[in-house]
Amino acid sequence: MAEHQKSEVITKTKIDKAISLLKEQKPKEREDVSDREAVRKMKRYIEKLTSDKYGYSYDEVSEMLKGLGIHLSGSRIKYLIGELKKSSRQRKKAESSENSQSSKPTAETQPAVKASSEAGKSHKNSAKL
């Protein structure tokens, strides 16, 4: 187990300076990215190459990437492209359902409006009596 080193007295001023120093730090640029992130960044170009127009297979794309030290099998690339498309569709579907729900009044508010207008009619009728 590591031994505790005796440190200087920690003052409130030191803590405030330390907090300022920590707040100022920017996120580190990551050198390594996940398979998913790598494919996400290359997705447009992979899809272009594997289109009918270009006619490359995912295995051929995999071989091209191996030359650069990116070791992803063709099936892995294909799987990740599919996953990215699926998550994109789900996100778009969720956004569209949120937009349609917020623009349409709910069924609960409509009867309340009718009820209040009917109440106004009955109030007018009672005033005539």
C-alpha atoms as a PDB file:
ATOM      1  CA  MET A   1       0.000   0.000   0.000  1.00  0.00           C
ATOM      2  CA  ALA A   2       1.285   3.503  -0.784  1.00  0.00           C
ATOM      3  CA  GLU A   3       2.429   5.617   2.107  1.00  0.00           C
ATOM      4  CA  HIS A   4       0.944   9.053   2.656  1.00  0.00           C
ATOM      5  CA  GLN A   5       3.469  11.798   2.180  1.00  0.00           C
ATOM      6  CA  LYS A   6       3.311  14.660   4.595  1.00  0.00           C
ATOM      7  CA  SER A   7       2.211  17.740   2.708  1.00  0.00           C
ATOM      8  CA  GLU A   8       2.116  21.395   3.464  1.00  0.00           C
ATOM      9  CA  VAL A   9      -0.861  22.921   5.160  1.00  0.00           C
ATOM     10  CA  ILE A  10      -3.666  23.315   2.653  1.00  0.00           C
ATOM     11  CA  THR A  11      -5.187  26.749   2.939  1.00  0.00           C
ATOM     12  CA  LYS A  12      -8.452  28.060   1.511  1.00  0.00           C
ATOM     13  CA  THR A  13      -6.423  30.265  -0.825  1.00  0.00           C
ATOM     14  CA  LYS A  14      -4.601  27.227  -2.210  1.00  0.00           C
ATOM     15  CA  ILE A  15      -7.907  25.430  -2.714  1.00  0.00           C
ATOM     16  CA  ASP A  16      -9.360  28.447  -4.556  1.00  0.00           C
ATOM     17  CA  LYS A  17      -6.282  28.589  -6.812  1.00  0.00           C
ATOM     18  CA  ALA A  18      -6.493  24.848  -7.415  1.00  0.00           C
ATOM     19  CA  ILE A  19     -10.173  25.110  -8.348  1.00  0.00           C
ATOM     20  CA  SER A  20      -9.390  27.926 -10.785  1.00  0.00           C
ATOM     21  CA  LEU A  21      -6.597  25.876 -12.329  1.00  0.00           C
ATOM     22  CA  LEU A  22      -8.839  22.815 -12.692  1.00  0.00           C
ATOM     23  CA  LYS A  23     -11.713  24.837 -14.178  1.00  0.00           C
ATOM     24  CA  GLU A  24      -9.428  26.312 -16.853  1.00  0.00           C
ATOM     25  CA  GLN A  25      -8.414  22.924 -18.226  1.00  0.00           C
ATOM     26  CA  LYS A  26      -9.673  22.011 -21.685  1.00  0.00           C
ATOM     27  CA  PRO A  27     -10.586  18.440 -22.648  1.00  0.00           C
ATOM     28  CA  LYS A  28      -7.648  16.409 -23.880  1.00  0.00           C
ATOM     29  CA  GLU A  29      -7.666  15.481 -27.532  1.00  0.00           C
ATOM     30  CA  ARG A  30      -8.022  11.717 -27.686  1.00  0.00           C
ATOM     31  CA  GLU A  31      -5.614   9.909 -29.914  1.00  0.00           C
ATOM     32  CA  ASP A  32      -7.519   6.621 -29.848  1.00  0.00           C
ATOM     33  CA  VAL A  33     -11.135   6.281 -30.902  1.00  0.00           C
ATOM     34  CA  SER A  34     -13.519   3.342 -30.729  1.00  0.00           C
ATOM     35  CA  ASP A  35     -14.387   1.176 -33.735  1.00  0.00           C
ATOM     36  CA  ARG A  36     -17.839   2.761 -33.807  1.00  0.00           C
ATOM     37  CA  GLU A  37     -16.456   6.306 -33.748  1.00  0.00           C
ATOM     38  CA  ALA A  38     -13.915   5.514 -36.481  1.00  0.00           C
ATOM     39  CA  VAL A  39     -16.600   4.057 -38.747  1.00  0.00           C
ATOM     40  CA  ARG A  40     -18.943   6.949 -37.902  1.00  0.00           C
ATOM     41  CA  LYS A  41     -16.321   9.421 -39.121  1.00  0.00           C
ATOM     42  CA  MET A  42     -15.654   7.416 -42.315  1.00  0.00           C
ATOM     43  CA  LYS A  43     -19.290   6.368 -42.904  1.00  0.00           C
ATOM     44  CA  ARG A  44     -19.981   8.672 -45.841  1.00  0.00           C
ATOM     45  CA  TYR A  45     -16.895   7.478 -47.708  1.00  0.00           C
ATOM     46  CA  ILE A  46     -17.423   3.801 -46.903  1.00  0.00           C
ATOM     47  CA  GLU A  47     -21.021   4.009 -48.123  1.00  0.00           C
ATOM     48  CA  LYS A  48     -19.851   5.716 -51.303  1.00  0.00           C
ATOM     49  CA  LEU A  49     -17.293   2.975 -52.031  1.00  0.00           C
ATOM     50  CA  THR A  50     -19.754   0.165 -51.286  1.00  0.00           C
ATOM     51  CA  SER A  51     -22.500   1.715 -53.432  1.00  0.00           C
ATOM     52  CA  ASP A  52     -23.501   0.154 -56.755  1.00  0.00           C
ATOM     53  CA  LYS A  53     -21.706   2.979 -58.562  1.00  0.00           C
ATOM     54  CA  TYR A  54     -18.281   2.130 -57.073  1.00  0.00           C
ATOM     55  CA  GLY A  55     -18.901  -1.551 -56.376  1.00  0.00           C
ATOM     56  CA  TYR A  56     -16.378  -2.228 -53.586  1.00  0.00           C
ATOM     57  CA  SER A  57     -17.186  -4.848 -50.959  1.00  0.00           C
ATOM     58  CA  TYR A  58     -16.819  -4.262 -47.236  1.00  0.00           C
ATOM     59  CA  ASP A  59     -13.929  -6.742 -47.251  1.00  0.00           C
ATOM     60  CA  GLU A  60     -12.148  -4.652 -49.879  1.00  0.00           C
ATOM     61  CA  VAL A  61     -12.669  -1.524 -47.789  1.00  0.00           C
ATOM     62  CA  SER A  62     -11.299  -3.476 -44.815  1.00  0.00           C
ATOM     63  CA  GLU A  63      -8.147  -4.323 -46.795  1.00  0.00           C
ATOM     64  CA  MET A  64      -7.674  -0.642 -47.720  1.00  0.00           C
ATOM     65  CA  LEU A  65      -7.924   0.351 -44.065  1.00  0.00           C
ATOM     66  CA  LYS A  66      -5.518  -2.400 -42.951  1.00  0.00           C
ATOM     67  CA  GLY A  67      -2.856  -0.665 -45.023  1.00  0.00           C
ATOM     68  CA  LEU A  68      -3.259   2.318 -42.689  1.00  0.00           C
ATOM     69  CA  GLY A  69      -3.173   0.209 -39.535  1.00  0.00           C
ATOM     70  CA  ILE A  70      -6.952   0.202 -39.034  1.00  0.00           C
ATOM     71  CA  HIS A  71      -7.832  -3.433 -38.459  1.00  0.00           C
ATOM     72  CA  LEU A  72     -11.578  -3.865 -38.865  1.00  0.00           C
ATOM     73  CA  SER A  73     -13.073  -6.832 -40.679  1.00  0.00           C
ATOM     74  CA  GLY A  74     -15.494  -6.240 -43.524  1.00  0.00           C
ATOM     75  CA  SER A  75     -18.316  -7.781 -41.509  1.00  0.00           C
ATOM     76  CA  ARG A  76     -17.519  -5.509 -38.541  1.00  0.00           C
ATOM     77  CA  ILE A  77     -17.592  -2.422 -40.776  1.00  0.00           C
ATOM     78  CA  LYS A  78     -20.903  -3.525 -42.300  1.00  0.00           C
ATOM     79  CA  TYR A  79     -22.367  -4.176 -38.838  1.00  0.00           C
ATOM     80  CA  LEU A  80     -21.273  -0.782 -37.502  1.00  0.00           C
ATOM     81  CA  ILE A  81     -22.644   1.040 -40.564  1.00  0.00           C
ATOM     82  CA  GLY A  82     -25.980  -0.706 -39.949  1.00  0.00           C
ATOM     83  CA  GLU A  83     -25.938   0.225 -36.268  1.00  0.00           C
ATOM     84  CA  LEU A  84     -25.190   3.854 -37.094  1.00  0.00           C
ATOM     85  CA  LYS A  85     -28.059   3.940 -39.595  1.00  0.00           C
ATOM     86  CA  LYS A  86     -30.393   2.344 -37.053  1.00  0.00           C
ATOM     87  CA  SER A  87     -29.496   4.815 -34.300  1.00  0.00           C
ATOM     88  CA  SER A  88     -29.863   7.689 -36.761  1.00  0.00           C
ATOM     89  CA  ARG A  89     -33.353   6.492 -37.761  1.00  0.00           C
ATOM     90  CA  GLN A  90     -34.379   6.120 -34.113  1.00  0.00           C
ATOM     91  CA  ARG A  91     -33.127   9.616 -33.316  1.00  0.00           C
ATOM     92  CA  LYS A  92     -35.023  11.111 -36.286  1.00  0.00           C
ATOM     93  CA  LYS A  93     -38.166   9.175 -35.321  1.00  0.00           C
ATOM     94  CA  ALA A  94     -37.948  10.428 -31.728  1.00  0.00           C
ATOM     95  CA  GLU A  95     -37.430  14.017 -32.891  1.00  0.00           C
ATOM     96  CA  SER A  96     -40.387  13.875 -35.280  1.00  0.00           C
ATOM     97  CA  SER A  97     -42.693  12.388 -32.635  1.00  0.00           C
ATOM     98  CA  GLU A  98     -41.641  15.093 -30.161  1.00  0.00           C
ATOM     99  CA  ASN A  99     -42.357  17.798 -32.738  1.00  0.00           C
ATOM    100  CA  SER A 100     -45.749  16.365 -33.665  1.00  0.00           C
ATOM    101  CA  GLN A 101     -46.777  16.023 -30.019  1.00  0.00           C
ATOM    102  CA  SER A 102     -45.796  19.580 -29.112  1.00  0.00           C
ATOM    103  CA  SER A 103     -47.594  21.112 -32.125  1.00  0.00           C
ATOM    104  CA  LYS A 104     -50.902  19.271 -31.597  1.00  0.00           C
ATOM    105  CA  PRO A 105     -53.156  20.134 -28.666  1.00  0.00           C
ATOM    106  CA  THR A 106     -53.879  17.173 -26.466  1.00  0.00           C
ATOM    107  CA  ALA A 107     -57.303  15.567 -26.339  1.00  0.00           C
ATOM    108  CA  GLU A 108     -57.577  16.550 -22.690  1.00  0.00           C
ATOM    109  CA  THR A 109     -57.457  20.290 -23.411  1.00  0.00           C
ATOM    110  CA  GLN A 110     -60.050  20.227 -26.183  1.00  0.00           C
ATOM    111  CA  PRO A 111     -63.018  19.065 -24.043  1.00  0.00           C
ATOM    112  CA  ALA A 112     -62.083  21.624 -21.399  1.00  0.00           C
ATOM    113  CA  VAL A 113     -62.423  24.396 -23.973  1.00  0.00           C
ATOM    114  CA  LYS A 114     -65.797  23.041 -25.095  1.00  0.00           C
ATOM    115  CA  ALA A 115     -66.956  22.740 -21.524  1.00  0.00           C
ATOM    116  CA  SER A 116     -66.051  26.346 -20.765  1.00  0.00           C
ATOM    117  CA  SER A 117     -67.794  27.603 -23.927  1.00  0.00           C
ATOM    118  CA  GLU A 118     -70.903  25.601 -23.005  1.00  0.00           C
ATOM    119  CA  ALA A 119     -70.742  27.057 -19.528  1.00  0.00           C
ATOM    120  CA  GLY A 120     -70.718  30.527 -21.091  1.00  0.00           C
ATOM    121  CA  LYS A 121     -73.812  29.676 -23.158  1.00  0.00           C
ATOM    122  CA  SER A 122     -75.725  28.415 -20.153  1.00  0.00           C
ATOM    123  CA  HIS A 123     -74.688  31.523 -18.224  1.00  0.00           C
ATOM    124  CA  LYS A 124     -76.047  33.741 -21.038  1.00  0.00           C
ATOM    125  CA  ASN A 125     -79.276  31.739 -21.100  1.00  0.00           C
ATOM    126  CA  SER A 126     -79.729  32.163 -17.356  1.00  0.00           C
ATOM    127  CA  ALA A 127     -79.156  35.907 -17.698  1.00  0.00           C
ATOM    128  CA  LYS A 128     -82.076  36.111 -20.149  1.00  0.00           C
ATOM    129  CA  LEU A 129     -84.446  34.551 -17.621  1.00  0.00           C
END
